[in-house]
Amino acid sequence: QVQVVESGGGLVQAGGSLILSCIASGLAADTYRMAWFRQAPGKEREGVSCISWSGASTYYKDSVKGRFTISRDNAKNTLYLQMNNLKPEDTAMYYCAADTTRPICPVRSWRDGLDYNYWGQGTQVTVTS
């Protein structure tokens, strides 16, 4: 049985940092891409970052470039999102997703959540000004 579980969210002041973690268990192999999405109240879900199966390729939403870093440890089946210099507009529920059908993040479509077949329940990030 596949389980995807996020952790690490919380309440932080603007300018602060958080590290999100996501453990994906029960998957047959580690040759799949993973991503972080977020959804703020009243807004659509949006792709934040994607990482290829090897970690060699990463993509970011423009507004988080230079502040967020995605990484993965395949030996631990764990995905990370280091978030620095957080802003109030980063407040959202953050979701981890895995796409076991693709090992890489397509440049033009990595943000399409419909392509990901496993999702976590989310972890809340709240940034106060």
N, C-alpha and C. Protein backbone atom coordinates (compact mmCIF):
# COMPACT_ATOMS: atom_id res chain seq x y z
N GLN A 1 0.84 -1.18 0.00
CA GLN A 1 0.00 0.00 0.00
C GLN A 1 0.89 1.25 0.00
N VAL A 2 0.59 2.16 -0.91
CA VAL A 2 1.39 3.38 -1.02
C VAL A 2 0.89 4.43 -0.03
N GLN A 3 1.84 5.02 0.66
CA GLN A 3 1.50 6.11 1.57
C GLN A 3 2.44 7.28 1.31
N VAL A 4 1.88 8.47 1.27
CA VAL A 4 2.66 9.70 1.10
C VAL A 4 2.31 10.61 2.27
N VAL A 5 3.29 10.93 3.08
CA VAL A 5 3.03 11.68 4.30
C VAL A 5 3.98 12.86 4.42
N GLU A 6 3.39 14.06 4.51
CA GLU A 6 4.17 15.27 4.66
C GLU A 6 4.29 15.65 6.14
N SER A 7 5.34 16.41 6.43
CA SER A 7 5.53 16.95 7.77
C SER A 7 6.40 18.20 7.68
N GLY A 8 6.44 18.95 8.77
CA GLY A 8 7.34 20.09 8.84
C GLY A 8 6.69 21.45 8.73
N GLY A 9 5.40 21.48 8.45
CA GLY A 9 4.73 22.77 8.37
C GLY A 9 4.62 23.43 9.73
N GLY A 10 4.19 24.68 9.72
CA GLY A 10 4.04 25.38 10.98
C GLY A 10 3.81 26.86 10.78
N LEU A 11 3.90 27.58 11.88
CA LEU A 11 3.71 29.03 11.90
C LEU A 11 5.07 29.70 12.01
N VAL A 12 5.35 30.63 11.11
CA VAL A 12 6.65 31.30 11.11
C VAL A 12 6.47 32.75 10.71
N GLN A 13 7.36 33.59 11.19
CA GLN A 13 7.31 35.00 10.82
C GLN A 13 7.95 35.21 9.45
N ALA A 14 7.54 36.27 8.79
CA ALA A 14 8.13 36.62 7.50
C ALA A 14 9.65 36.72 7.65
N GLY A 15 10.34 36.17 6.66
CA GLY A 15 11.80 36.13 6.71
C GLY A 15 12.35 34.87 7.32
N GLY A 16 11.49 34.08 7.92
CA GLY A 16 11.93 32.84 8.55
C GLY A 16 12.05 31.69 7.58
N SER A 17 12.37 30.52 8.14
CA SER A 17 12.61 29.33 7.31
C SER A 17 11.85 28.12 7.87
N LEU A 18 11.54 27.21 6.98
CA LEU A 18 10.96 25.92 7.34
C LEU A 18 11.50 24.86 6.39
N ILE A 19 11.55 23.63 6.87
CA ILE A 19 11.90 22.51 6.00
C ILE A 19 10.74 21.53 6.00
N LEU A 20 10.15 21.30 4.84
CA LEU A 20 9.10 20.31 4.71
C LEU A 20 9.72 18.98 4.30
N SER A 21 9.15 17.90 4.81
CA SER A 21 9.59 16.55 4.45
C SER A 21 8.39 15.76 3.96
N CYS A 22 8.67 14.79 3.11
CA CYS A 22 7.62 13.91 2.60
C CYS A 22 8.19 12.52 2.44
N ILE A 23 7.58 11.57 3.11
CA ILE A 23 8.01 10.17 3.00
C ILE A 23 7.00 9.43 2.14
N ALA A 24 7.51 8.82 1.07
CA ALA A 24 6.66 8.03 0.17
C ALA A 24 7.03 6.57 0.34
N SER A 25 6.15 5.81 0.90
CA SER A 25 6.43 4.39 1.16
C SER A 25 5.51 3.51 0.32
N GLY A 26 5.98 2.31 0.05
CA GLY A 26 5.18 1.36 -0.69
C GLY A 26 5.31 1.43 -2.20
N LEU A 27 6.16 2.33 -2.68
CA LEU A 27 6.36 2.41 -4.13
C LEU A 27 7.40 1.38 -4.54
N ALA A 28 7.22 0.82 -5.72
CA ALA A 28 8.04 -0.30 -6.15
C ALA A 28 9.49 0.09 -6.41
N ALA A 29 9.72 1.30 -6.83
CA ALA A 29 11.08 1.74 -7.16
C ALA A 29 11.18 3.24 -6.92
N ASP A 30 12.37 3.79 -7.10
CA ASP A 30 12.54 5.22 -6.87
C ASP A 30 12.69 6.00 -8.16
N THR A 31 12.38 5.36 -9.30
CA THR A 31 12.54 6.02 -10.59
C THR A 31 11.29 6.79 -10.97
N TYR A 32 10.92 7.75 -10.15
CA TYR A 32 9.74 8.55 -10.43
C TYR A 32 10.01 9.98 -9.99
N ARG A 33 9.36 10.89 -10.62
CA ARG A 33 9.51 12.29 -10.25
C ARG A 33 8.60 12.61 -9.07
N MET A 34 8.96 13.66 -8.36
CA MET A 34 8.16 14.11 -7.24
C MET A 34 8.05 15.63 -7.28
N ALA A 35 7.07 16.14 -6.59
CA ALA A 35 6.84 17.58 -6.64
C ALA A 35 6.15 18.07 -5.37
N TRP A 36 6.24 19.36 -5.18
CA TRP A 36 5.49 20.05 -4.13
C TRP A 36 4.47 20.97 -4.79
N PHE A 37 3.27 20.92 -4.28
CA PHE A 37 2.21 21.82 -4.70
C PHE A 37 1.73 22.56 -3.46
N ARG A 38 0.98 23.63 -3.67
CA ARG A 38 0.38 24.34 -2.55
C ARG A 38 -0.97 24.91 -2.97
N GLN A 39 -1.80 25.10 -1.97
CA GLN A 39 -3.10 25.70 -2.22
C GLN A 39 -3.46 26.61 -1.06
N ALA A 40 -3.67 27.87 -1.39
CA ALA A 40 -4.09 28.86 -0.41
C ALA A 40 -5.61 28.94 -0.41
N PRO A 41 -6.22 29.37 0.68
CA PRO A 41 -7.68 29.49 0.74
C PRO A 41 -8.21 30.36 -0.39
N GLY A 42 -9.20 29.83 -1.09
CA GLY A 42 -9.83 30.59 -2.16
C GLY A 42 -9.05 30.63 -3.46
N LYS A 43 -7.94 29.92 -3.49
CA LYS A 43 -7.11 29.92 -4.71
C LYS A 43 -6.95 28.51 -5.25
N GLU A 44 -6.54 28.43 -6.51
CA GLU A 44 -6.31 27.14 -7.12
C GLU A 44 -4.97 26.55 -6.65
N ARG A 45 -4.91 25.25 -6.69
CA ARG A 45 -3.65 24.58 -6.38
C ARG A 45 -2.60 24.95 -7.43
N GLU A 46 -1.38 25.15 -6.97
CA GLU A 46 -0.31 25.52 -7.91
C GLU A 46 0.95 24.71 -7.64
N GLY A 47 1.68 24.45 -8.71
CA GLY A 47 2.93 23.74 -8.58
C GLY A 47 4.01 24.65 -8.03
N VAL A 48 4.75 24.18 -7.05
CA VAL A 48 5.81 24.95 -6.43
C VAL A 48 7.18 24.53 -6.95
N SER A 49 7.39 23.21 -7.02
CA SER A 49 8.69 22.71 -7.46
C SER A 49 8.58 21.25 -7.85
N CYS A 50 9.45 20.84 -8.75
CA CYS A 50 9.49 19.45 -9.21
C CYS A 50 10.93 18.97 -9.26
N ILE A 51 11.15 17.68 -8.98
CA ILE A 51 12.50 17.12 -9.02
C ILE A 51 12.45 15.78 -9.73
N SER A 52 13.44 15.55 -10.58
CA SER A 52 13.51 14.29 -11.31
C SER A 52 13.89 13.15 -10.39
N TRP A 53 13.80 11.92 -10.89
CA TRP A 53 14.03 10.76 -10.05
C TRP A 53 15.44 10.75 -9.45
N SER A 54 16.41 11.25 -10.20
CA SER A 54 17.79 11.23 -9.72
C SER A 54 18.14 12.46 -8.90
N GLY A 55 17.30 13.48 -9.00
CA GLY A 55 17.61 14.75 -8.34
C GLY A 55 18.43 15.68 -9.20
N ALA A 56 18.78 15.24 -10.40
CA ALA A 56 19.64 16.04 -11.25
C ALA A 56 18.95 17.25 -11.84
N SER A 57 17.63 17.17 -12.00
CA SER A 57 16.87 18.28 -12.58
C SER A 57 15.82 18.76 -11.61
N THR A 58 15.74 20.08 -11.48
CA THR A 58 14.73 20.69 -10.60
C THR A 58 14.09 21.88 -11.30
N TYR A 59 12.85 22.13 -10.96
CA TYR A 59 12.11 23.26 -11.52
C TYR A 59 11.36 23.95 -10.39
N TYR A 60 11.19 25.26 -10.55
CA TYR A 60 10.54 26.05 -9.50
C TYR A 60 9.55 27.03 -10.09
N LYS A 61 8.53 27.30 -9.31
CA LYS A 61 7.64 28.41 -9.61
C LYS A 61 8.47 29.70 -9.50
N ASP A 62 8.21 30.65 -10.38
CA ASP A 62 9.05 31.85 -10.42
C ASP A 62 9.14 32.57 -9.08
N SER A 63 8.04 32.65 -8.36
CA SER A 63 8.01 33.44 -7.14
C SER A 63 8.80 32.82 -5.99
N VAL A 64 9.23 31.56 -6.13
CA VAL A 64 9.99 30.93 -5.05
C VAL A 64 11.44 30.68 -5.43
N LYS A 65 11.79 30.97 -6.67
CA LYS A 65 13.17 30.77 -7.11
C LYS A 65 14.13 31.59 -6.25
N GLY A 66 15.21 30.95 -5.85
CA GLY A 66 16.18 31.62 -5.01
C GLY A 66 15.86 31.57 -3.53
N ARG A 67 14.64 31.16 -3.18
CA ARG A 67 14.24 31.06 -1.77
C ARG A 67 13.97 29.62 -1.36
N PHE A 68 13.42 28.81 -2.26
CA PHE A 68 13.09 27.42 -1.96
C PHE A 68 14.07 26.48 -2.67
N THR A 69 14.36 25.36 -2.03
CA THR A 69 15.21 24.34 -2.62
C THR A 69 14.58 22.98 -2.42
N ILE A 70 14.36 22.27 -3.53
CA ILE A 70 13.81 20.91 -3.46
C ILE A 70 14.96 19.91 -3.53
N SER A 71 14.82 18.83 -2.79
CA SER A 71 15.84 17.77 -2.83
C SER A 71 15.18 16.46 -2.45
N ARG A 72 15.88 15.36 -2.67
CA ARG A 72 15.34 14.06 -2.32
C ARG A 72 16.46 13.13 -1.90
N ASP A 73 16.11 12.18 -1.06
CA ASP A 73 17.02 11.13 -0.62
C ASP A 73 16.33 9.82 -0.94
N ASN A 74 16.70 9.21 -2.04
CA ASN A 74 16.01 7.99 -2.48
C ASN A 74 16.24 6.82 -1.53
N ALA A 75 17.35 6.82 -0.86
CA ALA A 75 17.62 5.74 0.10
C ALA A 75 16.62 5.77 1.26
N LYS A 76 16.10 6.97 1.54
CA LYS A 76 15.14 7.14 2.62
C LYS A 76 13.72 7.36 2.11
N ASN A 77 13.54 7.29 0.78
CA ASN A 77 12.22 7.54 0.18
C ASN A 77 11.64 8.87 0.64
N THR A 78 12.50 9.87 0.74
CA THR A 78 12.08 11.14 1.32
C THR A 78 12.35 12.31 0.38
N LEU A 79 11.38 13.19 0.31
CA LEU A 79 11.45 14.43 -0.46
C LEU A 79 11.48 15.59 0.53
N TYR A 80 12.25 16.62 0.18
CA TYR A 80 12.37 17.79 1.06
C TYR A 80 12.06 19.08 0.30
N LEU A 81 11.67 20.08 1.06
CA LEU A 81 11.54 21.43 0.52
C LEU A 81 12.07 22.39 1.57
N GLN A 82 13.25 22.93 1.31
CA GLN A 82 13.84 23.94 2.18
C GLN A 82 13.27 25.29 1.76
N MET A 83 12.62 25.97 2.69
CA MET A 83 11.98 27.25 2.38
C MET A 83 12.62 28.34 3.23
N ASN A 84 13.28 29.28 2.57
CA ASN A 84 13.93 30.39 3.25
C ASN A 84 13.26 31.70 2.88
N ASN A 85 13.50 32.72 3.70
CA ASN A 85 12.95 34.05 3.45
C ASN A 85 11.45 33.98 3.12
N LEU A 86 10.73 33.30 3.97
CA LEU A 86 9.31 33.09 3.72
C LEU A 86 8.54 34.40 3.76
N LYS A 87 7.51 34.47 2.93
CA LYS A 87 6.67 35.65 2.82
C LYS A 87 5.23 35.29 3.15
N PRO A 88 4.43 36.26 3.57
CA PRO A 88 3.03 35.96 3.88
C PRO A 88 2.30 35.31 2.71
N GLU A 89 2.68 35.64 1.49
CA GLU A 89 2.02 35.05 0.31
C GLU A 89 2.40 33.59 0.11
N ASP A 90 3.33 33.06 0.89
CA ASP A 90 3.66 31.64 0.84
C ASP A 90 2.71 30.81 1.71
N THR A 91 1.85 31.49 2.45
CA THR A 91 0.90 30.78 3.31
C THR A 91 -0.03 29.91 2.49
N ALA A 92 -0.07 28.63 2.82
CA ALA A 92 -0.89 27.68 2.06
C ALA A 92 -0.76 26.30 2.69
N MET A 93 -1.60 25.40 2.22
CA MET A 93 -1.41 23.98 2.52
C MET A 93 -0.46 23.45 1.44
N TYR A 94 0.59 22.79 1.88
CA TYR A 94 1.59 22.26 0.97
C TYR A 94 1.42 20.75 0.83
N TYR A 95 1.41 20.30 -0.42
CA TYR A 95 1.20 18.89 -0.72
C TYR A 95 2.40 18.30 -1.45
N CYS A 96 2.71 17.08 -1.11
CA CYS A 96 3.73 16.31 -1.80
C CYS A 96 3.03 15.39 -2.80
N ALA A 97 3.61 15.24 -3.98
CA ALA A 97 3.00 14.39 -4.99
C ALA A 97 4.08 13.57 -5.71
N ALA A 98 3.70 12.37 -6.13
CA ALA A 98 4.60 11.51 -6.88
C ALA A 98 3.93 11.08 -8.17
N ASP A 99 4.71 11.04 -9.23
CA ASP A 99 4.23 10.57 -10.53
C ASP A 99 5.08 9.37 -10.92
N THR A 100 4.54 8.17 -10.71
CA THR A 100 5.30 6.95 -10.98
C THR A 100 5.36 6.60 -12.46
N THR A 101 4.75 7.42 -13.32
CA THR A 101 4.77 7.14 -14.75
C THR A 101 5.88 7.89 -15.48
N ARG A 102 6.50 8.87 -14.80
CA ARG A 102 7.53 9.68 -15.44
C ARG A 102 8.72 9.88 -14.51
N PRO A 103 9.92 9.63 -14.98
CA PRO A 103 11.11 9.83 -14.15
C PRO A 103 11.60 11.28 -14.11
N ILE A 104 11.16 12.08 -15.08
CA ILE A 104 11.65 13.46 -15.16
C ILE A 104 10.48 14.43 -15.13
N CYS A 105 10.80 15.71 -14.96
CA CYS A 105 9.79 16.76 -14.91
C CYS A 105 9.71 17.44 -16.27
N PRO A 106 8.64 17.25 -17.01
CA PRO A 106 8.51 17.93 -18.30
C PRO A 106 8.53 19.44 -18.12
N VAL A 107 9.33 20.12 -18.89
CA VAL A 107 9.52 21.55 -18.71
C VAL A 107 8.20 22.31 -18.78
N ARG A 108 7.36 21.94 -19.72
CA ARG A 108 6.13 22.71 -19.95
C ARG A 108 4.94 22.25 -19.11
N SER A 109 5.01 21.07 -18.53
CA SER A 109 3.80 20.55 -17.87
C SER A 109 4.03 20.02 -16.47
N TRP A 110 5.20 20.30 -15.86
CA TRP A 110 5.44 19.73 -14.54
C TRP A 110 4.47 20.25 -13.50
N ARG A 111 3.86 21.40 -13.77
CA ARG A 111 2.91 21.99 -12.82
C ARG A 111 1.52 21.37 -12.89
N ASP A 112 1.27 20.51 -13.86
CA ASP A 112 -0.06 19.93 -14.03
C ASP A 112 -0.28 18.84 -12.99
N GLY A 113 -1.08 19.14 -12.01
CA GLY A 113 -1.30 18.20 -10.93
C GLY A 113 -2.00 16.93 -11.35
N LEU A 114 -2.71 16.96 -12.47
CA LEU A 114 -3.44 15.77 -12.91
C LEU A 114 -2.51 14.63 -13.29
N ASP A 115 -1.25 14.93 -13.58
CA ASP A 115 -0.31 13.90 -14.00
C ASP A 115 0.26 13.11 -12.82
N TYR A 116 0.04 13.58 -11.61
CA TYR A 116 0.62 12.91 -10.44
C TYR A 116 -0.40 11.93 -9.88
N ASN A 117 0.05 10.72 -9.58
CA ASN A 117 -0.90 9.70 -9.17
C ASN A 117 -0.91 9.38 -7.68
N TYR A 118 0.01 9.95 -6.93
CA TYR A 118 -0.01 9.76 -5.48
C TYR A 118 0.18 11.11 -4.78
N TRP A 119 -0.66 11.33 -3.78
CA TRP A 119 -0.66 12.61 -3.06
C TRP A 119 -0.69 12.38 -1.56
N GLY A 120 -0.07 13.32 -0.85
CA GLY A 120 -0.18 13.31 0.60
C GLY A 120 -1.38 14.13 1.04
N GLN A 121 -1.57 14.18 2.35
CA GLN A 121 -2.71 14.90 2.92
C GLN A 121 -2.42 16.38 3.13
N GLY A 122 -1.16 16.75 3.05
CA GLY A 122 -0.81 18.16 3.16
C GLY A 122 -0.29 18.55 4.53
N THR A 123 0.49 19.61 4.54
CA THR A 123 0.98 20.20 5.79
C THR A 123 0.84 21.71 5.67
N GLN A 124 0.30 22.33 6.70
CA GLN A 124 -0.02 23.76 6.64
C GLN A 124 1.21 24.61 6.94
N VAL A 125 1.42 25.61 6.10
CA VAL A 125 2.46 26.61 6.33
C VAL A 125 1.78 27.97 6.44
N THR A 126 2.02 28.64 7.55
CA THR A 126 1.45 29.96 7.77
C THR A 126 2.56 30.94 8.08
N VAL A 127 2.63 32.01 7.28
CA VAL A 127 3.67 33.02 7.44
C VAL A 127 3.02 34.33 7.86
N THR A 128 3.42 34.84 9.00
CA THR A 128 2.85 36.08 9.51
C THR A 128 3.77 37.26 9.19
N SER A 129 3.17 38.41 9.00
CA SER A 129 3.97 39.61 8.66
C SER A 129 4.40 40.35 9.91
